[in-house]
Protein backbone atom coordinates (compact mmCIF):
# COMPACT_ATOMS: atom_id res chain seq x y z
CA MET A 1 93.15 197.24 229.16
CA LYS A 2 91.91 195.36 226.12
CA ILE A 3 88.42 193.92 226.54
CA MET A 4 87.94 192.23 223.17
CA GLU A 5 89.42 192.10 219.69
CA TYR A 6 87.42 191.36 216.54
CA GLN A 7 89.43 191.28 213.31
CA ASP A 8 91.13 194.71 213.14
CA VAL A 9 88.87 196.39 215.74
CA VAL A 10 90.02 196.43 219.36
CA PHE A 11 87.55 197.27 222.12
CA ALA A 12 89.08 198.94 225.13
CA ASP A 13 86.03 200.63 226.61
CA LEU A 14 82.29 200.08 226.17
CA ARG A 15 81.84 203.82 225.58
CA LEU A 16 84.18 203.50 222.61
CA MET A 17 82.28 200.53 221.26
CA ILE A 18 83.27 201.02 217.63
CA GLY A 19 86.97 201.41 218.33
CA GLY A 20 87.19 205.03 217.17
CA GLY A 21 87.10 204.12 213.47
CA LYS A 22 84.73 205.28 210.78
CA LEU A 23 81.33 203.71 211.19
CA ALA A 24 81.29 202.55 207.54
CA ASP A 25 84.59 200.69 208.11
CA VAL A 26 83.34 199.13 211.34
CA CYS A 27 80.19 197.96 209.52
CA LYS A 28 82.43 196.13 207.04
CA GLU A 29 84.52 194.57 209.83
CA PHE A 30 81.40 193.31 211.61
CA LYS A 31 79.82 192.17 208.33
CA VAL A 32 76.72 194.29 208.92
CA PRO A 33 74.13 193.32 206.26
CA GLU A 34 74.01 195.84 203.42
CA HIS A 35 70.43 196.98 204.17
CA LEU A 36 71.52 197.87 207.74
CA ALA A 37 75.02 199.21 207.04
CA LYS A 38 76.11 202.85 207.12
CA LYS A 39 74.73 204.78 204.17
CA GLU A 40 76.31 207.60 202.22
CA ILE A 41 74.85 211.08 202.03
CA ASP A 42 76.09 214.23 200.31
CA MET A 43 76.85 216.50 203.26
CA HIS A 44 77.29 219.48 200.93
CA ASN A 45 73.49 219.59 200.71
CA PHE A 46 73.27 220.37 204.42
CA ARG A 47 75.36 223.46 205.06
CA THR A 48 72.39 225.52 206.21
CA LEU A 49 69.32 224.78 208.28
CA SER A 50 67.06 225.63 205.34
CA LYS A 51 68.80 222.96 203.23
CA VAL A 52 68.48 220.42 206.05
CA LEU A 53 64.78 221.19 206.30
CA ALA A 54 64.41 220.82 202.54
CA PHE A 55 65.86 217.30 202.76
CA VAL A 56 64.45 216.40 206.18
CA ASP A 57 63.23 212.93 205.18
CA GLU A 58 66.64 212.02 203.75
CA VAL A 59 68.39 213.33 206.88
CA LYS A 60 66.04 211.37 209.16
CA GLU A 61 66.63 208.15 207.20
CA TYR A 62 70.41 208.70 207.31
CA ALA A 63 70.42 209.35 211.07
CA LEU A 64 68.10 206.42 211.82
CA ASN A 65 70.31 204.12 209.76
CA ASP A 66 73.33 205.14 211.90
CA VAL A 67 71.47 204.04 215.01
CA ILE A 68 70.34 200.77 213.43
CA CYS A 69 73.82 199.77 212.27
CA MET A 70 75.33 200.70 215.67
CA GLU A 71 72.68 198.51 217.32
CA TYR A 72 73.70 195.60 215.10
CA ILE A 73 77.40 196.14 215.94
CA TYR A 74 76.62 196.36 219.65
CA ASP A 75 74.65 193.09 219.52
CA VAL A 76 77.58 191.30 217.86
CA TYR A 77 79.94 192.82 220.42
CA LYS A 78 77.68 191.91 223.35
CA ASP A 79 77.31 188.34 222.13
CA GLY A 80 81.10 188.06 221.82
CA ILE A 81 81.62 189.32 225.37
CA TYR A 82 78.95 186.94 226.70
CA LYS A 83 80.62 183.97 224.98
CA ASP A 84 84.02 185.00 226.38
CA ILE A 85 82.63 185.30 229.91
CA THR A 86 80.74 182.00 229.59
CA ASN A 87 83.89 180.21 228.41
CA LEU A 88 85.84 181.60 231.38
CA MET A 89 83.25 180.27 233.80
CA ILE A 90 83.36 176.70 232.46
């Protein structure tokens, strides 16, 4: 059951809010502002816990940014669903 379609992203389930694609691609589809969009990080730096701890501030910023861009995407999605439901009720 398709709930909503936005450009190339199809939402079939709220738990799969980003359509199963890469978060960076979904950010582009939803036109997430650059300062909120998915960031890049060199994962080769984080193969051991000691390396993660050495770059803990960078890891925290990267993880926090994931949450922020998913929040933005969810808000766009939620607003789209609300408009669809409102239009159906009129």
